[in-house]
């Protein structure tokens, strides 16, 4: 178990987390893989809030008040923990390690993490963990429930980038559809506002 050296300030959350639907979706995908099963996992993950362990450190910083008087104040920072996975060649020899953020679907899964370090869990949404991962050069991704074989699930940086591009394209398509619908509605309204006038020639009078 390692610490990652990027420090991020944050607030520890004790909110109730329920990721039952995600765990069930992962289990179903592992039993029978399909594109629909994978999409269900991703859609559930996008709506999920996870527990991510961090070591809380108290540092002091200089703070100036409105009269420019300087004093030390305590500042809490979180160092998010990492799990390391061995990289092996085709002969089974270890050639290095890669690091992931461990994230957990619930408190019971979090208890499976064995470490002597004192940590506290942060509650973070999928999008926040994805941003943290993208912002950390020495991390390959994050893994959901890394210590449970049945429903552990890695999200690598390439996967996160693919998900992000899919969401961006979906939003663009949705926005374009809304603009087209608004233009069509405006056109219909404009046509409905035309005065009811008929033109006749003088010969008809």
N, C-alpha and C. Protein backbone atom coordinates (compact mmCIF):
# COMPACT_ATOMS: atom_id res chain seq x y z
N UNK A 1 0.85 -1.20 0.00
CA UNK A 1 0.00 0.00 0.00
C UNK A 1 0.88 1.24 0.00
N UNK A 2 0.65 2.11 -0.91
CA UNK A 2 1.47 3.32 -1.02
C UNK A 2 0.59 4.55 -0.89
N UNK A 3 1.24 5.68 -0.70
CA UNK A 3 0.52 6.95 -0.70
C UNK A 3 0.82 7.65 -2.00
N UNK A 4 -0.13 8.36 -2.50
CA UNK A 4 0.18 9.16 -3.68
C UNK A 4 0.49 10.57 -3.21
N UNK A 5 1.45 11.20 -3.88
CA UNK A 5 2.03 12.41 -3.33
C UNK A 5 1.31 13.70 -3.71
N UNK A 6 0.16 13.58 -4.38
CA UNK A 6 -0.62 14.77 -4.69
C UNK A 6 -1.53 15.08 -3.51
N UNK A 7 -1.43 16.26 -2.97
CA UNK A 7 -2.25 16.62 -1.81
C UNK A 7 -3.46 17.43 -2.27
N UNK A 8 -4.61 17.04 -1.80
CA UNK A 8 -5.85 17.72 -2.15
C UNK A 8 -6.65 17.99 -0.89
N UNK A 9 -7.04 19.23 -0.69
CA UNK A 9 -7.86 19.56 0.47
C UNK A 9 -9.29 19.08 0.23
N UNK A 10 -9.95 18.67 1.27
CA UNK A 10 -11.32 18.21 1.11
C UNK A 10 -11.98 17.97 2.44
N UNK A 11 -13.25 17.66 2.41
CA UNK A 11 -14.03 17.42 3.62
C UNK A 11 -14.43 15.96 3.68
N UNK A 12 -14.22 15.33 4.82
CA UNK A 12 -14.61 13.94 4.99
C UNK A 12 -16.12 13.87 5.09
N UNK A 13 -16.71 12.98 4.32
CA UNK A 13 -18.16 12.86 4.30
C UNK A 13 -18.60 11.56 4.95
N UNK A 14 -19.68 11.62 5.73
CA UNK A 14 -20.23 10.42 6.37
C UNK A 14 -21.57 10.03 5.76
N UNK A 15 -21.83 10.49 4.53
CA UNK A 15 -23.13 10.21 3.94
C UNK A 15 -23.29 8.72 3.69
N UNK A 16 -24.56 8.28 3.74
CA UNK A 16 -24.89 6.88 3.50
C UNK A 16 -24.70 6.56 2.03
N UNK A 17 -23.97 5.49 1.76
CA UNK A 17 -23.68 5.11 0.39
C UNK A 17 -24.33 3.76 0.10
N UNK A 18 -25.06 3.70 -1.01
CA UNK A 18 -25.70 2.45 -1.43
C UNK A 18 -25.36 2.20 -2.90
N UNK A 19 -24.49 1.23 -3.14
CA UNK A 19 -24.09 0.89 -4.49
C UNK A 19 -24.51 -0.53 -4.86
N UNK A 20 -25.64 -0.96 -4.30
CA UNK A 20 -26.13 -2.33 -4.55
C UNK A 20 -26.34 -2.58 -6.04
N UNK A 21 -26.94 -1.60 -6.73
CA UNK A 21 -27.22 -1.77 -8.16
C UNK A 21 -25.94 -1.94 -8.96
N UNK A 22 -24.89 -1.20 -8.59
CA UNK A 22 -23.61 -1.31 -9.30
C UNK A 22 -22.98 -2.68 -9.07
N UNK A 23 -22.96 -3.14 -7.82
CA UNK A 23 -22.37 -4.44 -7.50
C UNK A 23 -23.10 -5.55 -8.25
N UNK A 24 -24.43 -5.48 -8.28
CA UNK A 24 -25.22 -6.48 -9.00
C UNK A 24 -24.91 -6.45 -10.50
N UNK A 25 -24.74 -5.24 -11.03
CA UNK A 25 -24.44 -5.10 -12.46
C UNK A 25 -23.06 -5.68 -12.78
N UNK A 26 -22.08 -5.45 -11.90
CA UNK A 26 -20.74 -6.01 -12.12
C UNK A 26 -20.79 -7.54 -12.07
N UNK A 27 -21.50 -8.09 -11.07
CA UNK A 27 -21.62 -9.54 -10.95
C UNK A 27 -22.25 -10.14 -12.20
N UNK A 28 -23.32 -9.48 -12.70
CA UNK A 28 -24.01 -9.98 -13.90
C UNK A 28 -23.09 -9.94 -15.11
N UNK A 29 -22.28 -8.86 -15.23
CA UNK A 29 -21.36 -8.75 -16.37
C UNK A 29 -20.28 -9.81 -16.30
N UNK A 30 -19.82 -10.14 -15.09
CA UNK A 30 -18.77 -11.15 -14.95
C UNK A 30 -19.31 -12.55 -15.30
N UNK A 31 -20.59 -12.79 -15.03
CA UNK A 31 -21.18 -14.10 -15.34
C UNK A 31 -21.41 -14.25 -16.85
N UNK A 32 -21.88 -13.17 -17.46
CA UNK A 32 -22.16 -13.22 -18.90
C UNK A 32 -21.89 -11.85 -19.51
N UNK A 33 -20.73 -11.73 -20.16
CA UNK A 33 -20.34 -10.44 -20.70
C UNK A 33 -21.12 -10.13 -21.98
N UNK A 34 -21.57 -8.89 -22.07
CA UNK A 34 -22.19 -8.39 -23.30
C UNK A 34 -22.06 -6.87 -23.29
N UNK A 35 -22.30 -6.26 -24.44
CA UNK A 35 -22.22 -4.79 -24.52
C UNK A 35 -23.26 -4.15 -23.62
N UNK A 36 -24.47 -4.76 -23.58
CA UNK A 36 -25.54 -4.21 -22.73
C UNK A 36 -25.15 -4.30 -21.26
N UNK A 37 -24.56 -5.42 -20.86
CA UNK A 37 -24.14 -5.59 -19.46
C UNK A 37 -23.06 -4.58 -19.10
N UNK A 38 -22.13 -4.36 -20.03
CA UNK A 38 -21.05 -3.39 -19.79
C UNK A 38 -21.62 -1.97 -19.66
N UNK A 39 -22.55 -1.62 -20.54
CA UNK A 39 -23.17 -0.29 -20.49
C UNK A 39 -23.92 -0.08 -19.18
N UNK A 40 -24.57 -1.14 -18.69
CA UNK A 40 -25.29 -1.04 -17.42
C UNK A 40 -24.33 -0.77 -16.27
N UNK A 41 -23.18 -1.43 -16.30
CA UNK A 41 -22.16 -1.20 -15.27
C UNK A 41 -21.68 0.25 -15.31
N UNK A 42 -21.35 0.74 -16.51
CA UNK A 42 -20.83 2.10 -16.65
C UNK A 42 -21.86 3.13 -16.22
N UNK A 43 -23.13 2.94 -16.63
CA UNK A 43 -24.18 3.89 -16.25
C UNK A 43 -24.41 3.92 -14.75
N UNK A 44 -24.34 2.74 -14.10
CA UNK A 44 -24.48 2.70 -12.64
C UNK A 44 -23.28 3.35 -11.97
N UNK A 45 -22.08 3.10 -12.52
CA UNK A 45 -20.86 3.68 -11.94
C UNK A 45 -20.89 5.20 -12.01
N UNK A 46 -21.37 5.73 -13.13
CA UNK A 46 -21.42 7.19 -13.31
C UNK A 46 -22.31 7.86 -12.26
N UNK A 47 -23.30 7.14 -11.76
CA UNK A 47 -24.22 7.70 -10.76
C UNK A 47 -23.80 7.38 -9.33
N UNK A 48 -22.71 6.66 -9.17
CA UNK A 48 -22.33 6.16 -7.85
C UNK A 48 -21.43 7.11 -7.08
N UNK A 49 -21.49 6.97 -5.76
CA UNK A 49 -20.56 7.63 -4.84
C UNK A 49 -19.77 6.53 -4.14
N UNK A 50 -18.45 6.69 -4.09
CA UNK A 50 -17.58 5.65 -3.55
C UNK A 50 -16.84 6.14 -2.31
N UNK A 51 -16.30 5.19 -1.58
CA UNK A 51 -15.41 5.51 -0.46
C UNK A 51 -13.97 5.37 -0.94
N UNK A 52 -13.18 6.40 -0.74
CA UNK A 52 -11.78 6.36 -1.14
C UNK A 52 -10.93 6.72 0.09
N UNK A 53 -10.00 5.83 0.47
CA UNK A 53 -9.24 6.06 1.71
C UNK A 53 -8.15 7.11 1.53
N UNK A 54 -7.99 7.92 2.56
CA UNK A 54 -6.96 8.96 2.53
C UNK A 54 -6.37 9.14 3.91
N UNK A 55 -5.11 9.48 3.93
CA UNK A 55 -4.42 9.81 5.19
C UNK A 55 -4.55 11.31 5.40
N UNK A 56 -5.12 11.69 6.55
CA UNK A 56 -5.33 13.11 6.84
C UNK A 56 -4.12 13.65 7.58
N UNK A 57 -3.55 14.70 7.04
CA UNK A 57 -2.39 15.34 7.67
C UNK A 57 -2.73 16.76 8.07
N UNK A 58 -2.20 17.16 9.20
CA UNK A 58 -2.36 18.55 9.64
C UNK A 58 -1.06 19.29 9.41
N UNK A 59 -1.11 20.29 8.59
CA UNK A 59 0.05 21.14 8.36
C UNK A 59 -0.29 22.56 8.81
N UNK A 60 0.72 23.36 9.00
CA UNK A 60 0.48 24.75 9.37
C UNK A 60 0.83 25.65 8.19
N UNK A 61 0.03 26.67 8.02
CA UNK A 61 0.28 27.65 6.97
C UNK A 61 0.16 29.05 7.54
N UNK A 62 0.86 29.99 6.92
CA UNK A 62 0.79 31.38 7.33
C UNK A 62 -0.43 32.04 6.71
N UNK A 63 -1.25 32.67 7.56
CA UNK A 63 -2.46 33.34 7.08
C UNK A 63 -2.44 34.79 7.56
N UNK A 64 -2.70 35.71 6.64
CA UNK A 64 -2.73 37.14 6.99
C UNK A 64 -4.19 37.60 7.15
N UNK A 65 -4.47 38.42 8.18
CA UNK A 65 -5.83 38.95 8.35
C UNK A 65 -5.94 40.28 7.61
N UNK A 66 -7.10 40.97 7.81
CA UNK A 66 -7.34 42.21 7.05
C UNK A 66 -6.36 43.32 7.42
N UNK A 67 -5.74 43.21 8.62
CA UNK A 67 -4.75 44.21 9.04
C UNK A 67 -3.33 43.79 8.69
N UNK A 68 -3.24 42.71 7.90
CA UNK A 68 -1.94 42.19 7.45
C UNK A 68 -1.11 41.63 8.60
N UNK A 69 -1.78 41.19 9.67
CA UNK A 69 -1.09 40.49 10.74
C UNK A 69 -1.03 39.01 10.37
N UNK A 70 0.14 38.44 10.45
CA UNK A 70 0.35 37.06 10.00
C UNK A 70 0.42 36.12 11.19
N UNK A 71 -0.26 34.97 11.05
CA UNK A 71 -0.19 33.95 12.10
C UNK A 71 -0.31 32.56 11.48
N UNK A 72 0.11 31.55 12.23
CA UNK A 72 0.01 30.17 11.75
C UNK A 72 -1.39 29.62 12.03
N UNK A 73 -1.93 28.88 11.06
CA UNK A 73 -3.21 28.19 11.26
C UNK A 73 -3.07 26.76 10.75
N UNK A 74 -3.81 25.85 11.41
CA UNK A 74 -3.79 24.45 10.98
C UNK A 74 -4.53 24.29 9.66
N UNK A 75 -3.98 23.45 8.80
CA UNK A 75 -4.59 23.17 7.51
C UNK A 75 -4.61 21.66 7.31
N UNK A 76 -5.82 21.11 7.08
CA UNK A 76 -5.94 19.67 6.87
C UNK A 76 -5.79 19.34 5.39
N UNK A 77 -5.01 18.30 5.11
CA UNK A 77 -4.85 17.85 3.75
C UNK A 77 -5.00 16.34 3.70
N UNK A 78 -5.42 15.86 2.55
CA UNK A 78 -5.61 14.41 2.37
C UNK A 78 -4.61 13.86 1.38
N UNK A 79 -3.94 12.79 1.77
CA UNK A 79 -3.09 12.04 0.84
C UNK A 79 -3.83 10.75 0.50
N UNK A 80 -4.26 10.65 -0.75
CA UNK A 80 -5.01 9.48 -1.15
C UNK A 80 -4.08 8.28 -1.34
N UNK A 81 -4.56 7.12 -0.88
CA UNK A 81 -3.71 5.93 -0.88
C UNK A 81 -3.76 5.24 -2.24
N UNK A 82 -2.76 4.40 -2.48
CA UNK A 82 -2.65 3.66 -3.73
C UNK A 82 -2.49 2.17 -3.47
N UNK A 83 -2.93 1.37 -4.43
CA UNK A 83 -2.59 -0.06 -4.43
C UNK A 83 -1.71 -0.30 -5.66
N UNK A 84 -0.75 -1.17 -5.50
CA UNK A 84 0.19 -1.46 -6.59
C UNK A 84 -0.05 -2.85 -7.16
N UNK A 85 0.01 -2.95 -8.47
CA UNK A 85 -0.16 -4.24 -9.16
C UNK A 85 1.14 -4.56 -9.89
N UNK A 86 1.60 -5.80 -9.73
CA UNK A 86 2.85 -6.22 -10.38
C UNK A 86 2.63 -6.36 -11.88
N UNK A 87 3.62 -5.92 -12.64
CA UNK A 87 3.63 -6.10 -14.10
C UNK A 87 4.63 -7.21 -14.41
N UNK A 88 4.17 -8.24 -15.15
CA UNK A 88 5.03 -9.39 -15.43
C UNK A 88 5.19 -9.59 -16.94
N UNK A 89 6.34 -10.14 -17.32
CA UNK A 89 6.56 -10.44 -18.73
C UNK A 89 5.95 -11.80 -19.06
N UNK A 90 6.14 -12.26 -20.29
CA UNK A 90 5.52 -13.51 -20.73
C UNK A 90 6.06 -14.74 -20.00
N UNK A 91 7.20 -14.61 -19.34
CA UNK A 91 7.76 -15.71 -18.55
C UNK A 91 7.34 -15.67 -17.09
N UNK A 92 6.54 -14.66 -16.75
CA UNK A 92 6.07 -14.56 -15.37
C UNK A 92 6.98 -13.78 -14.46
N UNK A 93 8.03 -13.20 -15.01
CA UNK A 93 8.96 -12.41 -14.19
C UNK A 93 8.43 -11.00 -14.01
N UNK A 94 8.52 -10.50 -12.79
CA UNK A 94 8.03 -9.15 -12.52
C UNK A 94 8.97 -8.11 -13.14
N UNK A 95 8.39 -7.21 -13.91
CA UNK A 95 9.19 -6.17 -14.58
C UNK A 95 8.94 -4.78 -14.02
N UNK A 96 7.98 -4.68 -13.13
CA UNK A 96 7.66 -3.37 -12.54
C UNK A 96 6.31 -3.41 -11.84
N UNK A 97 5.83 -2.24 -11.47
CA UNK A 97 4.51 -2.14 -10.84
C UNK A 97 3.76 -0.95 -11.42
N UNK A 98 2.44 -1.04 -11.38
CA UNK A 98 1.59 0.09 -11.74
C UNK A 98 0.67 0.38 -10.56
N UNK A 99 0.28 1.63 -10.43
CA UNK A 99 -0.48 2.07 -9.26
C UNK A 99 -1.89 2.48 -9.64
N UNK A 100 -2.83 2.17 -8.74
CA UNK A 100 -4.23 2.54 -8.89
C UNK A 100 -4.75 3.14 -7.59
N UNK A 101 -5.71 4.03 -7.71
CA UNK A 101 -6.46 4.45 -6.52
C UNK A 101 -7.44 3.33 -6.16
N UNK A 102 -7.46 2.88 -4.91
CA UNK A 102 -8.49 1.93 -4.52
C UNK A 102 -9.76 2.68 -4.10
N UNK A 103 -10.90 2.27 -4.65
CA UNK A 103 -12.18 2.87 -4.25
C UNK A 103 -13.15 1.73 -3.90
N UNK A 104 -14.08 2.02 -3.02
CA UNK A 104 -14.91 0.95 -2.46
C UNK A 104 -16.39 1.32 -2.53
N UNK A 105 -17.21 0.29 -2.75
CA UNK A 105 -18.65 0.51 -2.89
C UNK A 105 -19.35 0.67 -1.55
N UNK A 106 -18.72 0.21 -0.46
CA UNK A 106 -19.35 0.32 0.86
C UNK A 106 -18.30 0.10 1.94
N UNK A 107 -18.72 0.29 3.18
CA UNK A 107 -17.80 0.20 4.32
C UNK A 107 -17.27 -1.22 4.50
N UNK A 108 -18.09 -2.24 4.20
CA UNK A 108 -17.65 -3.63 4.35
C UNK A 108 -16.50 -3.94 3.39
N UNK A 109 -16.59 -3.45 2.17
CA UNK A 109 -15.50 -3.66 1.21
C UNK A 109 -14.24 -2.92 1.66
N UNK A 110 -14.42 -1.72 2.22
CA UNK A 110 -13.28 -0.93 2.68
C UNK A 110 -12.51 -1.66 3.78
N UNK A 111 -13.22 -2.41 4.62
CA UNK A 111 -12.57 -3.13 5.73
C UNK A 111 -11.59 -4.20 5.23
N UNK A 112 -11.73 -4.61 3.97
CA UNK A 112 -10.86 -5.66 3.43
C UNK A 112 -9.46 -5.13 3.10
N UNK A 113 -9.30 -3.83 3.14
CA UNK A 113 -7.99 -3.24 2.87
C UNK A 113 -7.11 -3.36 4.11
N UNK A 114 -6.05 -4.12 4.01
CA UNK A 114 -5.16 -4.35 5.15
C UNK A 114 -3.99 -3.38 5.08
N UNK A 115 -3.90 -2.52 6.06
CA UNK A 115 -2.81 -1.55 6.14
C UNK A 115 -2.62 -1.13 7.59
N UNK A 116 -1.41 -0.83 7.94
CA UNK A 116 -1.12 -0.34 9.29
C UNK A 116 -1.26 1.17 9.37
N UNK A 117 -1.45 1.80 8.24
CA UNK A 117 -1.58 3.26 8.22
C UNK A 117 -2.98 3.68 8.67
N UNK A 118 -3.03 4.76 9.39
CA UNK A 118 -4.31 5.28 9.87
C UNK A 118 -4.91 6.17 8.78
N UNK A 119 -6.11 5.80 8.34
CA UNK A 119 -6.75 6.55 7.24
C UNK A 119 -8.21 6.86 7.57
N UNK A 120 -8.78 7.73 6.79
CA UNK A 120 -10.21 8.03 6.88
C UNK A 120 -10.80 7.96 5.48
N UNK A 121 -12.05 7.50 5.37
CA UNK A 121 -12.66 7.40 4.04
C UNK A 121 -13.29 8.73 3.61
N UNK A 122 -13.06 9.09 2.37
CA UNK A 122 -13.76 10.21 1.74
C UNK A 122 -14.88 9.64 0.87
N UNK A 123 -16.01 10.29 0.85
CA UNK A 123 -17.07 9.93 -0.08
C UNK A 123 -16.92 10.82 -1.32
N UNK A 124 -16.69 10.18 -2.47
CA UNK A 124 -16.45 10.93 -3.70
C UNK A 124 -17.26 10.33 -4.84
N UNK A 125 -17.77 11.20 -5.69
CA UNK A 125 -18.53 10.76 -6.86
C UNK A 125 -17.57 10.28 -7.94
N UNK A 126 -18.10 9.48 -8.87
CA UNK A 126 -17.31 8.92 -9.96
C UNK A 126 -16.56 10.03 -10.70
N UNK A 127 -17.24 11.12 -11.02
CA UNK A 127 -16.62 12.20 -11.81
C UNK A 127 -15.46 12.83 -11.06
N UNK A 128 -15.56 12.94 -9.72
CA UNK A 128 -14.47 13.53 -8.93
C UNK A 128 -13.26 12.60 -8.90
N UNK A 129 -13.52 11.28 -8.79
CA UNK A 129 -12.41 10.32 -8.78
C UNK A 129 -11.75 10.28 -10.15
N UNK A 130 -12.55 10.37 -11.21
CA UNK A 130 -12.00 10.39 -12.56
C UNK A 130 -11.10 11.60 -12.76
N UNK A 131 -11.54 12.76 -12.26
CA UNK A 131 -10.73 13.98 -12.39
C UNK A 131 -9.43 13.85 -11.59
N UNK A 132 -9.53 13.31 -10.38
CA UNK A 132 -8.34 13.08 -9.55
C UNK A 132 -7.36 12.16 -10.27
N UNK A 133 -7.88 11.11 -10.89
CA UNK A 133 -7.05 10.15 -11.61
C UNK A 133 -6.36 10.80 -12.80
N UNK A 134 -7.12 11.55 -13.59
CA UNK A 134 -6.56 12.22 -14.76
C UNK A 134 -5.48 13.22 -14.37
N UNK A 135 -5.59 13.80 -13.16
CA UNK A 135 -4.66 14.84 -12.72
C UNK A 135 -3.40 14.28 -12.06
N UNK A 136 -3.32 12.96 -11.94
CA UNK A 136 -2.20 12.34 -11.23
C UNK A 136 -1.35 11.53 -12.20
N UNK A 137 -0.16 12.01 -12.55
CA UNK A 137 0.65 11.37 -13.59
C UNK A 137 1.07 9.94 -13.28
N UNK A 138 1.37 9.64 -12.00
CA UNK A 138 1.94 8.33 -11.68
C UNK A 138 0.89 7.26 -11.39
N UNK A 139 -0.37 7.52 -11.73
CA UNK A 139 -1.46 6.58 -11.47
C UNK A 139 -2.05 6.11 -12.79
N UNK A 140 -2.30 4.80 -12.90
CA UNK A 140 -2.84 4.23 -14.15
C UNK A 140 -4.36 4.32 -14.22
N UNK A 141 -5.00 4.46 -13.07
CA UNK A 141 -6.45 4.50 -13.04
C UNK A 141 -6.94 4.30 -11.61
N UNK A 142 -8.20 3.87 -11.48
CA UNK A 142 -8.68 3.47 -10.15
C UNK A 142 -9.40 2.14 -10.28
N UNK A 143 -9.47 1.40 -9.17
CA UNK A 143 -10.10 0.08 -9.21
C UNK A 143 -11.15 -0.01 -8.11
N UNK A 144 -12.34 -0.44 -8.49
CA UNK A 144 -13.45 -0.60 -7.56
C UNK A 144 -13.30 -1.94 -6.84
N UNK A 145 -13.39 -1.92 -5.52
CA UNK A 145 -13.31 -3.13 -4.68
C UNK A 145 -12.13 -4.02 -5.08
N UNK A 146 -10.90 -3.53 -4.94
CA UNK A 146 -9.73 -4.27 -5.42
C UNK A 146 -9.47 -5.59 -4.71
N UNK A 147 -10.06 -5.79 -3.53
CA UNK A 147 -9.76 -7.00 -2.76
C UNK A 147 -10.87 -8.04 -2.81
N UNK A 148 -11.82 -7.87 -3.73
CA UNK A 148 -12.91 -8.84 -3.91
C UNK A 148 -12.91 -9.32 -5.35
N UNK A 149 -12.60 -10.58 -5.56
CA UNK A 149 -12.46 -11.11 -6.91
C UNK A 149 -13.76 -11.02 -7.71
N UNK A 150 -14.90 -11.25 -7.04
CA UNK A 150 -16.18 -11.34 -7.76
C UNK A 150 -16.60 -10.02 -8.39
N UNK A 151 -16.34 -8.92 -7.74
CA UNK A 151 -16.79 -7.65 -8.32
C UNK A 151 -15.77 -6.53 -8.18
N UNK A 152 -14.49 -6.85 -8.42
CA UNK A 152 -13.53 -5.75 -8.56
C UNK A 152 -13.54 -5.32 -10.01
N UNK A 153 -13.32 -4.05 -10.23
CA UNK A 153 -13.43 -3.52 -11.58
C UNK A 153 -12.48 -2.35 -11.77
N UNK A 154 -11.48 -2.48 -12.66
CA UNK A 154 -10.56 -1.36 -12.90
C UNK A 154 -11.11 -0.38 -13.93
N UNK A 155 -10.84 0.88 -13.71
CA UNK A 155 -11.10 1.94 -14.69
C UNK A 155 -9.75 2.58 -15.00
N UNK A 156 -9.19 2.25 -16.16
CA UNK A 156 -7.89 2.81 -16.55
C UNK A 156 -8.09 4.19 -17.18
N UNK A 157 -6.99 4.93 -17.31
CA UNK A 157 -7.09 6.26 -17.91
C UNK A 157 -7.65 6.22 -19.33
N UNK A 158 -7.25 5.27 -20.19
CA UNK A 158 -7.86 5.20 -21.52
C UNK A 158 -9.37 4.94 -21.47
N UNK A 159 -9.81 4.10 -20.51
CA UNK A 159 -11.25 3.84 -20.35
C UNK A 159 -11.98 5.12 -19.95
N UNK A 160 -11.41 5.85 -19.00
CA UNK A 160 -12.03 7.08 -18.52
C UNK A 160 -12.12 8.11 -19.64
N UNK A 161 -11.08 8.18 -20.48
CA UNK A 161 -11.08 9.11 -21.60
C UNK A 161 -12.17 8.73 -22.61
N UNK A 162 -12.33 7.43 -22.85
CA UNK A 162 -13.36 6.95 -23.77
C UNK A 162 -14.76 7.28 -23.24
N UNK A 163 -14.97 7.07 -21.94
CA UNK A 163 -16.26 7.39 -21.32
C UNK A 163 -16.54 8.88 -21.42
N UNK A 164 -15.51 9.69 -21.16
CA UNK A 164 -15.68 11.15 -21.22
C UNK A 164 -16.06 11.59 -22.63
N UNK A 165 -15.38 11.05 -23.66
CA UNK A 165 -15.68 11.43 -25.04
C UNK A 165 -17.09 11.01 -25.43
N UNK A 166 -17.51 9.83 -24.96
CA UNK A 166 -18.87 9.37 -25.24
C UNK A 166 -19.90 10.31 -24.64
N UNK A 167 -19.66 10.75 -23.41
CA UNK A 167 -20.58 11.68 -22.74
C UNK A 167 -20.60 13.03 -23.44
N UNK A 168 -19.42 13.49 -23.88
CA UNK A 168 -19.35 14.78 -24.59
C UNK A 168 -20.13 14.70 -25.90
N UNK A 169 -19.95 13.60 -26.64
CA UNK A 169 -20.65 13.43 -27.92
C UNK A 169 -22.15 13.31 -27.71
N UNK A 170 -22.54 12.61 -26.64
CA UNK A 170 -23.97 12.47 -26.34
C UNK A 170 -24.58 13.83 -26.02
N UNK A 171 -23.84 14.63 -25.23
CA UNK A 171 -24.35 15.96 -24.87
C UNK A 171 -24.47 16.84 -26.12
N UNK A 172 -23.48 16.76 -27.02
CA UNK A 172 -23.54 17.54 -28.25
C UNK A 172 -24.75 17.15 -29.08
N UNK A 173 -25.00 15.84 -29.20
CA UNK A 173 -26.14 15.36 -29.97
C UNK A 173 -27.45 15.81 -29.34
N UNK A 174 -27.50 15.73 -28.00
CA UNK A 174 -28.71 16.14 -27.29
C UNK A 174 -28.96 17.63 -27.44
N UNK A 175 -27.88 18.42 -27.32
CA UNK A 175 -28.01 19.88 -27.48
C UNK A 175 -28.45 20.23 -28.90
N UNK A 176 -27.88 19.53 -29.89
CA UNK A 176 -28.25 19.79 -31.29
C UNK A 176 -29.71 19.46 -31.53
N UNK A 177 -30.18 18.36 -30.92
CA UNK A 177 -31.59 17.97 -31.07
C UNK A 177 -32.51 19.01 -30.43
N UNK A 178 -32.08 19.54 -29.27
CA UNK A 178 -32.89 20.55 -28.58
C UNK A 178 -32.95 21.84 -29.39
N UNK A 179 -31.81 22.22 -30.00
CA UNK A 179 -31.78 23.43 -30.84
C UNK A 179 -32.68 23.25 -32.05
N UNK A 180 -32.60 22.07 -32.69
CA UNK A 180 -33.44 21.79 -33.87
C UNK A 180 -34.91 21.82 -33.50
N UNK A 181 -35.26 21.26 -32.35
CA UNK A 181 -36.65 21.26 -31.90
C UNK A 181 -37.14 22.67 -31.62
N UNK A 182 -36.27 23.49 -30.99
CA UNK A 182 -36.63 24.87 -30.69
C UNK A 182 -36.82 25.68 -31.97
N UNK A 183 -35.94 25.44 -32.96
CA UNK A 183 -36.07 26.15 -34.25
C UNK A 183 -37.34 25.75 -34.98
N UNK A 184 -37.67 24.46 -34.94
CA UNK A 184 -38.90 23.99 -35.59
C UNK A 184 -40.12 24.59 -34.92
N UNK A 185 -40.09 24.67 -33.59
CA UNK A 185 -41.22 25.24 -32.85
C UNK A 185 -41.36 26.72 -33.16
N UNK A 186 -40.22 27.42 -33.27
CA UNK A 186 -40.25 28.85 -33.60
C UNK A 186 -40.79 29.06 -35.01
N UNK A 187 -40.40 28.16 -35.93
CA UNK A 187 -40.87 28.25 -37.31
C UNK A 187 -42.38 28.05 -37.39
N UNK A 188 -42.86 27.07 -36.64
CA UNK A 188 -44.31 26.81 -36.61
C UNK A 188 -45.06 28.00 -36.03
N UNK A 189 -44.50 28.59 -34.99
CA UNK A 189 -45.14 29.74 -34.35
C UNK A 189 -45.17 30.92 -35.32
N UNK A 190 -44.06 31.11 -36.06
CA UNK A 190 -44.00 32.22 -37.01
C UNK A 190 -45.01 32.03 -38.14
N UNK A 191 -45.15 30.79 -38.59
CA UNK A 191 -46.12 30.52 -39.65
C UNK A 191 -47.54 30.70 -39.16
N UNK A 192 -47.77 30.41 -37.92
CA UNK A 192 -49.11 30.56 -37.35
C UNK A 192 -49.50 32.01 -37.14
N UNK A 193 -48.50 32.90 -37.12
CA UNK A 193 -48.78 34.32 -36.87
C UNK A 193 -49.04 35.10 -38.15
N UNK A 194 -49.00 34.45 -39.33
CA UNK A 194 -49.25 35.17 -40.58
C UNK A 194 -50.70 35.66 -40.62
N UNK A 195 -50.93 36.90 -41.07
CA UNK A 195 -52.31 37.42 -41.13
C UNK A 195 -53.13 36.64 -42.15
N UNK A 196 -54.39 36.48 -41.83
CA UNK A 196 -55.30 35.74 -42.72
C UNK A 196 -55.81 36.66 -43.82
N UNK A 197 -55.03 36.85 -44.86
CA UNK A 197 -55.36 37.81 -45.94
C UNK A 197 -55.44 37.05 -47.26
N UNK A 198 -56.48 37.34 -48.01
CA UNK A 198 -56.57 36.78 -49.35
C UNK A 198 -56.49 37.93 -50.33
N UNK A 199 -55.86 37.66 -51.45
CA UNK A 199 -55.66 38.69 -52.48
C UNK A 199 -56.60 38.39 -53.65
N UNK A 200 -57.32 39.40 -54.08
CA UNK A 200 -58.19 39.23 -55.25
C UNK A 200 -57.88 40.30 -56.27
N UNK A 201 -58.13 40.00 -57.50
CA UNK A 201 -57.87 40.98 -58.57
C UNK A 201 -59.10 41.85 -58.75
N UNK A 202 -58.90 42.98 -59.43
CA UNK A 202 -59.99 43.91 -59.63
C UNK A 202 -61.05 43.30 -60.54
N UNK A 203 -60.66 42.30 -61.35
CA UNK A 203 -61.60 41.68 -62.26
C UNK A 203 -62.64 40.86 -61.52
N UNK A 204 -62.26 40.45 -60.30
CA UNK A 204 -63.18 39.60 -59.53
C UNK A 204 -64.22 40.41 -58.78
N UNK A 205 -64.01 41.72 -58.70
CA UNK A 205 -64.94 42.54 -57.92
C UNK A 205 -66.18 42.84 -58.73
